[in-house]
């Protein structure tokens, strides 16, 4: 992937400036213009161009023009992805998203999103689309059972203490990487906890009794 980016952008990787973290590696280009964070589990990445031409990504683009912009960085959305322009308070942003919502085909599951956005001369690409190969079939709990776990306080509160109120706005079945390197199904509850927006994740696999 690094060779692909480097060749397309006409630059090389600065081998003296590589930062390694637990499950990710940050690379920089020799000229300092580009950075790419590669996530070792699943191959996702985030990419930044710190000196992009003005208005490569703007508020008035269609799907084809966004795909053309991605092509300049040798990035191609998967064919099954849906396309949308991101908004904030109803206002169009210079940000676009391709997403796949749990598409299952040929014993493989594709899920996640790819975004491209620009602010002034800084352009960002985030590619978090994963393709999972099925390990096996297991029973999962229902949304109601997951909700009961929240009511019982059986969840990670993300270092929040003495919670007074939880407003659940939506729920979605998605996947998270576990400690053994497998993606496990979880229910993601989008919540407002004491006035602050935070998700709550409830493991979806049925416990073996």
N, C-alpha and C. Protein backbone atom coordinates (compact mmCIF):
# COMPACT_ATOMS: atom_id res chain seq x y z
N UNK A 1 0.83 -1.21 0.00
CA UNK A 1 0.00 0.00 0.00
C UNK A 1 0.86 1.26 0.00
N UNK A 2 1.94 1.26 0.82
CA UNK A 2 2.81 2.43 0.87
C UNK A 2 3.46 2.69 -0.48
N UNK A 3 3.89 1.61 -1.16
CA UNK A 3 4.49 1.77 -2.47
C UNK A 3 3.50 2.35 -3.46
N UNK A 4 2.23 1.93 -3.33
CA UNK A 4 1.18 2.42 -4.22
C UNK A 4 0.98 3.92 -4.04
N UNK A 5 0.87 4.36 -2.79
CA UNK A 5 0.72 5.78 -2.49
C UNK A 5 1.94 6.56 -2.98
N UNK A 6 3.13 6.07 -2.64
CA UNK A 6 4.36 6.78 -2.97
C UNK A 6 4.52 6.97 -4.47
N UNK A 7 4.25 5.91 -5.22
CA UNK A 7 4.39 5.98 -6.67
C UNK A 7 3.40 6.96 -7.27
N UNK A 8 2.16 6.90 -6.81
CA UNK A 8 1.12 7.77 -7.34
C UNK A 8 1.40 9.24 -7.03
N UNK A 9 1.95 9.52 -5.85
CA UNK A 9 2.17 10.89 -5.41
C UNK A 9 3.57 11.41 -5.74
N UNK A 10 4.41 10.55 -6.29
CA UNK A 10 5.75 10.98 -6.68
C UNK A 10 6.63 11.32 -5.51
N UNK A 11 6.55 10.54 -4.43
CA UNK A 11 7.37 10.79 -3.25
C UNK A 11 7.87 9.47 -2.69
N UNK A 12 8.62 9.52 -1.62
CA UNK A 12 9.12 8.32 -0.95
C UNK A 12 8.84 8.42 0.54
N UNK A 13 8.94 7.28 1.21
CA UNK A 13 8.72 7.25 2.66
C UNK A 13 10.00 7.66 3.39
N UNK A 14 9.86 8.52 4.39
CA UNK A 14 10.99 8.92 5.23
C UNK A 14 11.24 7.81 6.25
N UNK A 15 12.21 6.95 5.97
CA UNK A 15 12.46 5.79 6.82
C UNK A 15 13.02 6.17 8.19
N UNK A 16 13.49 7.40 8.32
CA UNK A 16 14.01 7.85 9.61
C UNK A 16 12.90 8.43 10.50
N UNK A 17 11.69 8.50 9.96
CA UNK A 17 10.58 9.11 10.70
C UNK A 17 9.36 8.20 10.66
N UNK A 18 9.50 7.03 11.28
CA UNK A 18 8.41 6.05 11.37
C UNK A 18 8.08 5.83 12.84
N UNK A 19 6.82 6.10 13.20
CA UNK A 19 6.38 5.96 14.59
C UNK A 19 5.52 4.70 14.72
N UNK A 20 5.89 3.83 15.65
CA UNK A 20 5.17 2.58 15.86
C UNK A 20 4.42 2.62 17.19
N UNK A 21 3.13 2.26 17.13
CA UNK A 21 2.29 2.20 18.32
C UNK A 21 1.83 0.75 18.52
N UNK A 22 0.90 0.51 19.42
CA UNK A 22 0.48 -0.85 19.73
C UNK A 22 0.02 -1.62 18.49
N UNK A 23 -0.95 -1.06 17.78
CA UNK A 23 -1.51 -1.75 16.62
C UNK A 23 -1.53 -0.89 15.37
N UNK A 24 -0.64 0.09 15.32
CA UNK A 24 -0.63 1.00 14.18
C UNK A 24 0.75 1.59 13.96
N UNK A 25 1.01 1.98 12.72
CA UNK A 25 2.29 2.57 12.35
C UNK A 25 2.04 3.84 11.56
N UNK A 26 2.72 4.91 11.91
CA UNK A 26 2.59 6.20 11.25
C UNK A 26 3.81 6.44 10.36
N UNK A 27 3.56 6.61 9.07
CA UNK A 27 4.61 6.89 8.10
C UNK A 27 4.49 8.33 7.61
N UNK A 28 5.63 8.94 7.27
CA UNK A 28 5.66 10.29 6.70
C UNK A 28 6.43 10.26 5.39
N UNK A 29 6.05 11.15 4.48
CA UNK A 29 6.77 11.25 3.22
C UNK A 29 8.07 12.03 3.42
N UNK A 30 9.00 11.84 2.52
CA UNK A 30 10.31 12.49 2.65
C UNK A 30 10.21 14.00 2.63
N UNK A 31 9.22 14.53 1.91
CA UNK A 31 9.07 15.98 1.84
C UNK A 31 8.19 16.54 2.96
N UNK A 32 7.66 15.66 3.81
CA UNK A 32 6.85 16.09 4.94
C UNK A 32 5.43 16.46 4.60
N UNK A 33 5.06 16.29 3.34
CA UNK A 33 3.71 16.71 2.91
C UNK A 33 2.63 15.70 3.29
N UNK A 34 2.97 14.42 3.28
CA UNK A 34 1.97 13.37 3.49
C UNK A 34 2.25 12.56 4.74
N UNK A 35 1.18 12.10 5.37
CA UNK A 35 1.29 11.15 6.47
C UNK A 35 0.21 10.09 6.28
N UNK A 36 0.56 8.85 6.64
CA UNK A 36 -0.42 7.77 6.57
C UNK A 36 -0.28 6.90 7.80
N UNK A 37 -1.41 6.69 8.48
CA UNK A 37 -1.47 5.81 9.64
C UNK A 37 -2.07 4.48 9.20
N UNK A 38 -1.31 3.41 9.33
CA UNK A 38 -1.77 2.09 8.93
C UNK A 38 -2.13 1.29 10.18
N UNK A 39 -3.34 0.74 10.22
CA UNK A 39 -3.80 -0.06 11.34
C UNK A 39 -3.54 -1.53 11.02
N UNK A 40 -2.74 -2.18 11.85
CA UNK A 40 -2.24 -3.51 11.54
C UNK A 40 -3.33 -4.57 11.53
N UNK A 41 -4.35 -4.40 12.35
CA UNK A 41 -5.46 -5.36 12.37
C UNK A 41 -6.52 -4.96 11.37
N UNK A 42 -6.51 -5.61 10.23
CA UNK A 42 -7.54 -5.35 9.22
C UNK A 42 -7.10 -4.51 8.06
N UNK A 43 -5.96 -3.80 8.17
CA UNK A 43 -5.43 -3.05 7.04
C UNK A 43 -6.09 -1.71 6.78
N UNK A 44 -6.87 -1.19 7.71
CA UNK A 44 -7.45 0.14 7.54
C UNK A 44 -6.35 1.19 7.63
N UNK A 45 -6.65 2.40 7.16
CA UNK A 45 -5.64 3.46 7.21
C UNK A 45 -6.30 4.83 7.19
N UNK A 46 -5.55 5.82 7.67
CA UNK A 46 -5.95 7.22 7.52
C UNK A 46 -4.79 7.95 6.84
N UNK A 47 -5.12 8.84 5.93
CA UNK A 47 -4.12 9.51 5.09
C UNK A 47 -4.37 11.01 5.12
N UNK A 48 -3.29 11.80 5.21
CA UNK A 48 -3.41 13.26 5.21
C UNK A 48 -2.44 13.87 4.22
N UNK A 49 -2.97 14.79 3.40
CA UNK A 49 -2.17 15.64 2.52
C UNK A 49 -2.20 17.04 3.14
N UNK A 50 -1.05 17.53 3.59
CA UNK A 50 -1.01 18.80 4.29
C UNK A 50 -0.85 20.01 3.37
N UNK A 51 -0.75 19.78 2.06
CA UNK A 51 -0.57 20.90 1.13
C UNK A 51 -1.34 20.63 -0.15
N UNK A 52 -2.62 20.37 0.02
CA UNK A 52 -3.49 20.05 -1.12
C UNK A 52 -3.92 21.33 -1.83
N UNK A 53 -4.15 21.22 -3.13
CA UNK A 53 -4.65 22.36 -3.89
C UNK A 53 -6.02 22.77 -3.35
N UNK A 54 -6.33 24.05 -3.49
CA UNK A 54 -7.61 24.55 -3.00
C UNK A 54 -8.78 23.89 -3.73
N UNK A 55 -9.81 23.57 -2.96
CA UNK A 55 -11.08 23.10 -3.50
C UNK A 55 -10.99 21.80 -4.29
N UNK A 56 -10.01 20.93 -3.97
CA UNK A 56 -10.05 19.58 -4.54
C UNK A 56 -11.33 18.90 -4.07
N UNK A 57 -11.63 19.11 -2.77
CA UNK A 57 -12.91 18.66 -2.22
C UNK A 57 -13.67 19.89 -1.75
N UNK A 58 -14.85 20.09 -2.32
CA UNK A 58 -15.66 21.24 -1.94
C UNK A 58 -17.09 20.79 -1.67
N UNK A 59 -17.98 21.75 -1.44
CA UNK A 59 -19.34 21.44 -1.02
C UNK A 59 -20.27 21.10 -2.18
N UNK A 60 -19.78 21.19 -3.41
CA UNK A 60 -20.67 21.02 -4.57
C UNK A 60 -20.12 19.95 -5.52
N UNK A 61 -20.06 18.71 -5.03
CA UNK A 61 -19.52 17.62 -5.83
C UNK A 61 -20.51 16.46 -5.89
N UNK A 62 -20.51 15.74 -7.02
CA UNK A 62 -21.31 14.54 -7.13
C UNK A 62 -20.42 13.32 -6.93
N UNK A 63 -21.01 12.17 -6.99
CA UNK A 63 -20.30 10.92 -6.71
C UNK A 63 -19.11 10.73 -7.65
N UNK A 64 -19.31 10.99 -8.94
CA UNK A 64 -18.26 10.76 -9.92
C UNK A 64 -17.06 11.68 -9.69
N UNK A 65 -17.30 12.93 -9.33
CA UNK A 65 -16.19 13.86 -9.11
C UNK A 65 -15.43 13.51 -7.82
N UNK A 66 -16.12 12.97 -6.82
CA UNK A 66 -15.44 12.55 -5.60
C UNK A 66 -14.58 11.32 -5.88
N UNK A 67 -15.11 10.39 -6.67
CA UNK A 67 -14.33 9.21 -7.05
C UNK A 67 -13.08 9.63 -7.82
N UNK A 68 -13.22 10.64 -8.70
CA UNK A 68 -12.06 11.13 -9.46
C UNK A 68 -11.02 11.74 -8.53
N UNK A 69 -11.47 12.44 -7.49
CA UNK A 69 -10.53 13.03 -6.52
C UNK A 69 -9.79 11.94 -5.76
N UNK A 70 -10.50 10.89 -5.37
CA UNK A 70 -9.87 9.77 -4.67
C UNK A 70 -8.85 9.08 -5.57
N UNK A 71 -9.16 9.01 -6.85
CA UNK A 71 -8.27 8.32 -7.79
C UNK A 71 -6.90 8.99 -7.85
N UNK A 72 -6.85 10.31 -7.62
CA UNK A 72 -5.57 11.03 -7.62
C UNK A 72 -4.64 10.49 -6.55
N UNK A 73 -5.24 9.90 -5.49
CA UNK A 73 -4.45 9.32 -4.40
C UNK A 73 -4.43 7.79 -4.48
N UNK A 74 -4.86 7.27 -5.63
CA UNK A 74 -4.88 5.83 -5.88
C UNK A 74 -5.80 5.09 -4.90
N UNK A 75 -6.92 5.73 -4.56
CA UNK A 75 -7.91 5.14 -3.67
C UNK A 75 -9.20 4.93 -4.47
N UNK A 76 -9.77 3.75 -4.34
CA UNK A 76 -11.01 3.42 -5.06
C UNK A 76 -12.02 2.83 -4.09
N UNK A 77 -13.22 3.43 -3.99
CA UNK A 77 -14.25 2.86 -3.11
C UNK A 77 -14.68 1.50 -3.65
N UNK A 78 -15.11 0.61 -2.76
CA UNK A 78 -15.61 -0.69 -3.23
C UNK A 78 -16.93 -0.48 -3.96
N UNK A 79 -17.20 -1.36 -4.90
CA UNK A 79 -18.34 -1.19 -5.81
C UNK A 79 -19.69 -1.22 -5.10
N UNK A 80 -19.77 -1.89 -3.97
CA UNK A 80 -21.07 -2.04 -3.30
C UNK A 80 -21.36 -0.91 -2.32
N UNK A 81 -20.44 0.05 -2.19
CA UNK A 81 -20.60 1.12 -1.20
C UNK A 81 -21.66 2.13 -1.62
N UNK A 82 -22.43 2.59 -0.65
CA UNK A 82 -23.37 3.70 -0.85
C UNK A 82 -22.60 5.01 -0.69
N UNK A 83 -23.15 6.08 -1.29
CA UNK A 83 -22.46 7.38 -1.30
C UNK A 83 -23.35 8.45 -0.68
N UNK A 84 -22.74 9.34 0.11
CA UNK A 84 -23.50 10.45 0.66
C UNK A 84 -22.56 11.61 1.00
N UNK A 85 -23.14 12.82 0.99
CA UNK A 85 -22.40 14.00 1.43
C UNK A 85 -22.71 14.21 2.90
N UNK A 86 -21.67 14.48 3.68
CA UNK A 86 -21.88 14.67 5.11
C UNK A 86 -22.40 16.08 5.38
N UNK A 87 -23.20 16.20 6.41
CA UNK A 87 -23.83 17.47 6.77
C UNK A 87 -23.70 17.73 8.26
N UNK A 88 -23.78 18.99 8.62
CA UNK A 88 -23.78 19.38 10.02
C UNK A 88 -24.82 20.46 10.21
N UNK A 89 -25.81 20.18 11.07
CA UNK A 89 -26.94 21.10 11.28
C UNK A 89 -27.61 21.44 9.95
N UNK A 90 -27.71 20.44 9.07
CA UNK A 90 -28.37 20.63 7.78
C UNK A 90 -27.51 21.27 6.72
N UNK A 91 -26.32 21.72 7.08
CA UNK A 91 -25.44 22.41 6.14
C UNK A 91 -24.49 21.42 5.47
N UNK A 92 -24.35 21.53 4.14
CA UNK A 92 -23.44 20.66 3.41
C UNK A 92 -22.00 20.95 3.80
N UNK A 93 -21.23 19.87 3.96
CA UNK A 93 -19.82 20.00 4.29
C UNK A 93 -18.95 19.59 3.11
N UNK A 94 -17.68 19.99 3.15
CA UNK A 94 -16.71 19.54 2.15
C UNK A 94 -16.19 18.18 2.60
N UNK A 95 -17.11 17.24 2.75
CA UNK A 95 -16.80 15.92 3.26
C UNK A 95 -17.79 14.91 2.68
N UNK A 96 -17.28 13.79 2.21
CA UNK A 96 -18.11 12.78 1.55
C UNK A 96 -17.78 11.40 2.10
N UNK A 97 -18.78 10.53 2.03
CA UNK A 97 -18.63 9.22 2.65
C UNK A 97 -19.16 8.12 1.73
N UNK A 98 -18.38 7.05 1.61
CA UNK A 98 -18.83 5.81 0.99
C UNK A 98 -18.95 4.79 2.12
N UNK A 99 -20.06 4.10 2.22
CA UNK A 99 -20.24 3.19 3.34
C UNK A 99 -20.91 1.89 2.92
N UNK A 100 -20.59 0.84 3.64
CA UNK A 100 -21.18 -0.48 3.44
C UNK A 100 -21.72 -0.93 4.79
N UNK A 101 -22.96 -1.34 4.80
CA UNK A 101 -23.61 -1.71 6.05
C UNK A 101 -23.86 -3.21 6.09
N UNK A 102 -22.88 -3.94 6.63
CA UNK A 102 -23.01 -5.39 6.86
C UNK A 102 -23.50 -6.13 5.61
N UNK A 103 -22.73 -6.00 4.52
CA UNK A 103 -23.06 -6.70 3.28
C UNK A 103 -22.45 -8.09 3.31
N UNK A 104 -23.29 -9.11 3.22
CA UNK A 104 -22.82 -10.50 3.31
C UNK A 104 -22.95 -11.17 1.96
N UNK A 105 -21.82 -11.73 1.46
CA UNK A 105 -21.81 -12.40 0.17
C UNK A 105 -20.62 -13.37 0.12
N UNK A 106 -20.88 -14.56 -0.41
CA UNK A 106 -19.83 -15.58 -0.59
C UNK A 106 -19.07 -15.85 0.71
N UNK A 107 -19.81 -15.97 1.80
CA UNK A 107 -19.24 -16.29 3.11
C UNK A 107 -18.30 -15.20 3.62
N UNK A 108 -18.46 -13.99 3.09
CA UNK A 108 -17.67 -12.85 3.56
C UNK A 108 -18.61 -11.71 3.94
N UNK A 109 -18.18 -10.93 4.90
CA UNK A 109 -18.98 -9.80 5.38
C UNK A 109 -18.18 -8.52 5.21
N UNK A 110 -18.76 -7.55 4.51
CA UNK A 110 -18.10 -6.26 4.31
C UNK A 110 -18.86 -5.19 5.07
N UNK A 111 -18.11 -4.35 5.80
CA UNK A 111 -18.74 -3.34 6.63
C UNK A 111 -17.77 -2.19 6.86
N UNK A 112 -18.29 -0.98 7.02
CA UNK A 112 -17.44 0.16 7.35
C UNK A 112 -17.64 1.34 6.41
N UNK A 113 -16.69 2.26 6.41
CA UNK A 113 -16.85 3.47 5.63
C UNK A 113 -15.50 4.01 5.15
N UNK A 114 -15.57 4.79 4.08
CA UNK A 114 -14.43 5.51 3.52
C UNK A 114 -14.85 6.96 3.39
N UNK A 115 -14.09 7.89 3.96
CA UNK A 115 -14.43 9.30 3.86
C UNK A 115 -13.27 10.08 3.25
N UNK A 116 -13.63 11.17 2.58
CA UNK A 116 -12.64 12.13 2.10
C UNK A 116 -13.17 13.52 2.42
N UNK A 117 -12.31 14.37 2.96
CA UNK A 117 -12.73 15.72 3.34
C UNK A 117 -11.56 16.67 3.19
N UNK A 118 -11.88 17.96 3.12
CA UNK A 118 -10.83 18.97 3.00
C UNK A 118 -11.19 20.21 3.80
N UNK A 119 -10.18 20.75 4.49
CA UNK A 119 -10.31 22.03 5.20
C UNK A 119 -9.09 22.86 4.84
N UNK A 120 -9.32 23.96 4.12
CA UNK A 120 -8.23 24.76 3.57
C UNK A 120 -7.34 23.87 2.70
N UNK A 121 -6.05 23.75 3.01
CA UNK A 121 -5.17 22.92 2.18
C UNK A 121 -4.93 21.53 2.77
N UNK A 122 -5.64 21.19 3.84
CA UNK A 122 -5.46 19.88 4.46
C UNK A 122 -6.58 18.94 4.00
N UNK A 123 -6.17 17.85 3.35
CA UNK A 123 -7.12 16.85 2.86
C UNK A 123 -6.91 15.55 3.63
N UNK A 124 -8.02 14.95 4.06
CA UNK A 124 -7.97 13.71 4.83
C UNK A 124 -8.77 12.61 4.15
N UNK A 125 -8.21 11.41 4.16
CA UNK A 125 -8.91 10.23 3.69
C UNK A 125 -8.86 9.20 4.82
N UNK A 126 -10.02 8.67 5.19
CA UNK A 126 -10.10 7.61 6.19
C UNK A 126 -10.74 6.39 5.55
N UNK A 127 -10.04 5.29 5.51
CA UNK A 127 -10.58 4.07 4.91
C UNK A 127 -10.73 3.00 5.98
N UNK A 128 -11.95 2.87 6.48
CA UNK A 128 -12.24 1.91 7.53
C UNK A 128 -13.25 0.87 7.04
N UNK A 129 -13.11 0.47 5.78
CA UNK A 129 -13.96 -0.60 5.25
C UNK A 129 -13.22 -1.92 5.42
N UNK A 130 -13.85 -2.86 6.10
CA UNK A 130 -13.25 -4.16 6.38
C UNK A 130 -14.04 -5.26 5.67
N UNK A 131 -13.33 -6.29 5.25
CA UNK A 131 -13.96 -7.49 4.75
C UNK A 131 -13.59 -8.64 5.68
N UNK A 132 -14.59 -9.25 6.26
CA UNK A 132 -14.37 -10.32 7.23
C UNK A 132 -14.68 -11.67 6.58
N UNK A 133 -13.88 -12.66 6.87
CA UNK A 133 -14.16 -14.03 6.47
C UNK A 133 -14.81 -14.73 7.65
N UNK A 134 -15.90 -15.40 7.38
CA UNK A 134 -16.66 -16.03 8.46
C UNK A 134 -15.85 -17.12 9.15
N UNK A 135 -15.84 -17.08 10.49
CA UNK A 135 -15.17 -18.10 11.28
C UNK A 135 -16.15 -19.21 11.67
N UNK A 136 -17.40 -18.84 11.81
CA UNK A 136 -18.42 -19.81 12.19
C UNK A 136 -19.74 -19.11 12.44
N UNK A 137 -20.77 -19.88 12.73
CA UNK A 137 -22.09 -19.32 13.00
C UNK A 137 -22.43 -19.53 14.47
N UNK A 138 -22.83 -18.43 15.10
CA UNK A 138 -23.14 -18.47 16.53
C UNK A 138 -24.41 -17.66 16.78
N UNK A 139 -25.10 -18.00 17.84
CA UNK A 139 -26.32 -17.28 18.19
C UNK A 139 -25.95 -15.95 18.85
N UNK A 140 -26.79 -14.93 18.60
CA UNK A 140 -26.60 -13.63 19.24
C UNK A 140 -27.85 -13.28 20.04
N UNK A 141 -27.66 -12.40 21.00
CA UNK A 141 -28.79 -11.95 21.80
C UNK A 141 -29.61 -10.94 21.01
N UNK A 142 -30.80 -10.68 21.46
CA UNK A 142 -31.67 -9.72 20.79
C UNK A 142 -31.35 -8.28 21.21
N UNK A 143 -31.88 -7.32 20.48
CA UNK A 143 -31.72 -5.92 20.87
C UNK A 143 -32.32 -5.68 22.26
N UNK A 144 -33.44 -6.34 22.53
CA UNK A 144 -34.11 -6.15 23.82
C UNK A 144 -33.22 -6.65 24.97
N UNK A 145 -32.54 -7.80 24.74
CA UNK A 145 -31.65 -8.33 25.77
C UNK A 145 -30.45 -7.41 25.98
N UNK A 146 -29.94 -6.85 24.87
CA UNK A 146 -28.83 -5.90 25.00
C UNK A 146 -29.27 -4.65 25.76
N UNK A 147 -30.48 -4.20 25.49
CA UNK A 147 -31.03 -3.04 26.20
C UNK A 147 -31.17 -3.32 27.69
N UNK A 148 -31.59 -4.56 28.02
CA UNK A 148 -31.73 -4.93 29.44
C UNK A 148 -30.38 -4.87 30.16
N UNK A 149 -29.30 -5.18 29.44
CA UNK A 149 -27.96 -5.12 30.05
C UNK A 149 -27.60 -3.66 30.39
N UNK A 150 -28.02 -2.73 29.52
CA UNK A 150 -27.77 -1.32 29.81
C UNK A 150 -28.57 -0.90 31.04
N UNK A 151 -29.83 -1.30 31.10
CA UNK A 151 -30.65 -0.95 32.26
C UNK A 151 -30.07 -1.50 33.55
N UNK A 152 -29.40 -2.66 33.43
CA UNK A 152 -28.81 -3.28 34.62
C UNK A 152 -27.41 -2.75 34.91
N UNK A 153 -26.93 -1.81 34.06
CA UNK A 153 -25.61 -1.24 34.28
C UNK A 153 -24.47 -2.15 33.88
N UNK A 154 -24.76 -3.16 33.06
CA UNK A 154 -23.74 -4.13 32.66
C UNK A 154 -23.06 -3.68 31.36
N UNK A 155 -22.29 -2.61 31.45
CA UNK A 155 -21.60 -2.08 30.28
C UNK A 155 -20.41 -1.25 30.72
N UNK A 156 -19.50 -1.03 29.77
CA UNK A 156 -18.34 -0.18 30.02
C UNK A 156 -18.78 1.27 29.93
N UNK A 157 -18.61 2.03 31.00
CA UNK A 157 -19.10 3.41 31.04
C UNK A 157 -18.06 4.43 30.60
N UNK A 158 -16.94 3.95 30.02
CA UNK A 158 -15.93 4.85 29.47
C UNK A 158 -15.49 5.91 30.49
N UNK A 159 -15.19 5.44 31.69
CA UNK A 159 -14.66 6.28 32.75
C UNK A 159 -15.65 7.35 33.22
N UNK A 160 -16.92 7.14 32.92
CA UNK A 160 -17.95 8.03 33.46
C UNK A 160 -18.47 7.42 34.77
N UNK A 161 -18.59 8.26 35.77
CA UNK A 161 -19.04 7.77 37.06
C UNK A 161 -20.28 8.52 37.51
N UNK A 162 -21.05 7.85 38.36
CA UNK A 162 -22.27 8.46 38.90
C UNK A 162 -23.19 8.96 37.78
N UNK A 163 -23.44 8.11 36.82
CA UNK A 163 -24.30 8.48 35.69
C UNK A 163 -25.72 8.74 36.18
N UNK A 164 -26.26 9.86 35.75
CA UNK A 164 -27.61 10.24 36.17
C UNK A 164 -28.65 9.91 35.11
N UNK A 165 -28.29 10.05 33.82
CA UNK A 165 -29.28 9.80 32.78
C UNK A 165 -28.61 9.29 31.50
N UNK A 166 -29.33 8.38 30.83
CA UNK A 166 -28.89 7.86 29.53
C UNK A 166 -30.06 7.95 28.57
N UNK A 167 -29.87 8.68 27.47
CA UNK A 167 -30.87 8.75 26.41
C UNK A 167 -30.33 7.97 25.21
N UNK A 168 -31.03 6.92 24.81
CA UNK A 168 -30.60 6.10 23.68
C UNK A 168 -31.25 6.65 22.41
N UNK A 169 -30.41 7.03 21.45
CA UNK A 169 -30.90 7.62 20.21
C UNK A 169 -31.06 6.61 19.08
N UNK A 170 -30.18 5.61 19.03
CA UNK A 170 -30.26 4.60 17.97
C UNK A 170 -29.46 3.38 18.38
N UNK A 171 -29.66 2.28 17.64
CA UNK A 171 -28.93 1.04 17.91
C UNK A 171 -28.57 0.39 16.58
N UNK A 172 -27.38 -0.19 16.52
CA UNK A 172 -26.91 -0.83 15.30
C UNK A 172 -26.04 -2.03 15.65
N UNK A 173 -26.20 -3.12 14.91
CA UNK A 173 -25.31 -4.27 15.06
C UNK A 173 -24.06 -4.02 14.23
N UNK A 174 -22.88 -4.09 14.85
CA UNK A 174 -21.63 -3.88 14.13
C UNK A 174 -20.59 -4.85 14.70
N UNK A 175 -19.31 -4.64 14.38
CA UNK A 175 -18.27 -5.56 14.80
C UNK A 175 -17.11 -4.80 15.43
N UNK A 176 -16.49 -5.43 16.43
CA UNK A 176 -15.31 -4.87 17.09
C UNK A 176 -14.24 -5.95 17.20
N UNK A 177 -12.99 -5.51 17.14
CA UNK A 177 -11.87 -6.43 17.27
C UNK A 177 -11.69 -6.82 18.73
N UNK A 178 -11.58 -8.14 18.98
CA UNK A 178 -11.36 -8.57 20.35
C UNK A 178 -9.86 -8.76 20.62
N UNK A 179 -9.52 -9.17 21.82
CA UNK A 179 -8.12 -9.28 22.22
C UNK A 179 -7.37 -10.39 21.48
N UNK A 180 -8.10 -11.31 20.86
CA UNK A 180 -7.47 -12.42 20.13
C UNK A 180 -7.35 -12.16 18.63
N UNK A 181 -7.78 -10.96 18.20
CA UNK A 181 -7.67 -10.61 16.79
C UNK A 181 -8.86 -10.99 15.94
N UNK A 182 -9.98 -11.39 16.58
CA UNK A 182 -11.20 -11.72 15.87
C UNK A 182 -12.20 -10.57 16.00
N UNK A 183 -13.02 -10.41 14.96
CA UNK A 183 -14.07 -9.40 15.02
C UNK A 183 -15.33 -10.05 15.57
N UNK A 184 -15.84 -9.46 16.64
CA UNK A 184 -17.01 -9.99 17.32
C UNK A 184 -18.20 -9.07 17.10
N UNK A 185 -19.41 -9.62 16.97
CA UNK A 185 -20.60 -8.77 16.83
C UNK A 185 -20.92 -8.06 18.13
N UNK A 186 -21.24 -6.78 18.04
CA UNK A 186 -21.64 -5.99 19.20
C UNK A 186 -22.80 -5.10 18.80
N UNK A 187 -23.62 -4.76 19.78
CA UNK A 187 -24.65 -3.75 19.56
C UNK A 187 -24.07 -2.39 19.95
N UNK A 188 -24.13 -1.46 19.03
CA UNK A 188 -23.67 -0.10 19.31
C UNK A 188 -24.89 0.78 19.57
N UNK A 189 -25.02 1.25 20.79
CA UNK A 189 -26.09 2.17 21.17
C UNK A 189 -25.54 3.60 21.12
N UNK A 190 -26.10 4.42 20.26
CA UNK A 190 -25.73 5.84 20.25
C UNK A 190 -26.53 6.53 21.35
N UNK A 191 -25.81 7.10 22.32
CA UNK A 191 -26.47 7.61 23.53
C UNK A 191 -26.06 9.04 23.84
N UNK A 192 -26.89 9.68 24.63
CA UNK A 192 -26.53 10.92 25.30
C UNK A 192 -26.48 10.60 26.78
N UNK A 193 -25.26 10.64 27.35
CA UNK A 193 -25.06 10.28 28.76
C UNK A 193 -24.77 11.56 29.54
N UNK A 194 -25.70 11.91 30.40
CA UNK A 194 -25.58 13.15 31.19
C UNK A 194 -25.26 14.34 30.28
N UNK A 195 -25.96 14.41 29.14
CA UNK A 195 -25.82 15.54 28.23
C UNK A 195 -24.69 15.43 27.24
N UNK A 196 -23.88 14.36 27.31
CA UNK A 196 -22.73 14.20 26.42
C UNK A 196 -22.94 13.00 25.50
N UNK A 197 -22.73 13.21 24.21
CA UNK A 197 -22.90 12.13 23.24
C UNK A 197 -21.80 11.09 23.36
N UNK A 198 -22.17 9.83 23.63
CA UNK A 198 -21.21 8.73 23.74
C UNK A 198 -21.89 7.42 23.32
N UNK A 199 -21.14 6.52 22.70
CA UNK A 199 -21.72 5.21 22.37
C UNK A 199 -21.55 4.24 23.53
N UNK A 200 -22.44 3.27 23.60
CA UNK A 200 -22.31 2.14 24.51
C UNK A 200 -22.30 0.87 23.67
N UNK A 201 -21.32 0.00 23.91
CA UNK A 201 -21.21 -1.25 23.17
C UNK A 201 -21.58 -2.42 24.07
N UNK A 202 -22.48 -3.26 23.58
CA UNK A 202 -22.88 -4.47 24.30
C UNK A 202 -22.53 -5.68 23.44
N UNK A 203 -21.72 -6.62 23.95
CA UNK A 203 -21.39 -7.83 23.19
C UNK A 203 -22.67 -8.56 22.77
N UNK A 204 -22.71 -8.98 21.50
CA UNK A 204 -23.95 -9.58 20.97
C UNK A 204 -23.94 -11.10 21.02
N UNK A 205 -22.77 -11.72 21.17
CA UNK A 205 -22.74 -13.18 21.22
C UNK A 205 -23.48 -13.71 22.44
N UNK A 206 -24.27 -14.73 22.22
CA UNK A 206 -25.01 -15.35 23.32
C UNK A 206 -24.04 -16.11 24.21
N UNK A 207 -24.12 -15.91 25.51
CA UNK A 207 -23.22 -16.59 26.44
C UNK A 207 -23.57 -18.08 26.51
N UNK A 208 -22.53 -18.90 26.49
CA UNK A 208 -22.73 -20.34 26.60
C UNK A 208 -22.97 -20.70 28.06
N UNK A 209 -24.06 -21.33 28.34
CA UNK A 209 -24.42 -21.67 29.72
C UNK A 209 -24.08 -23.13 30.03
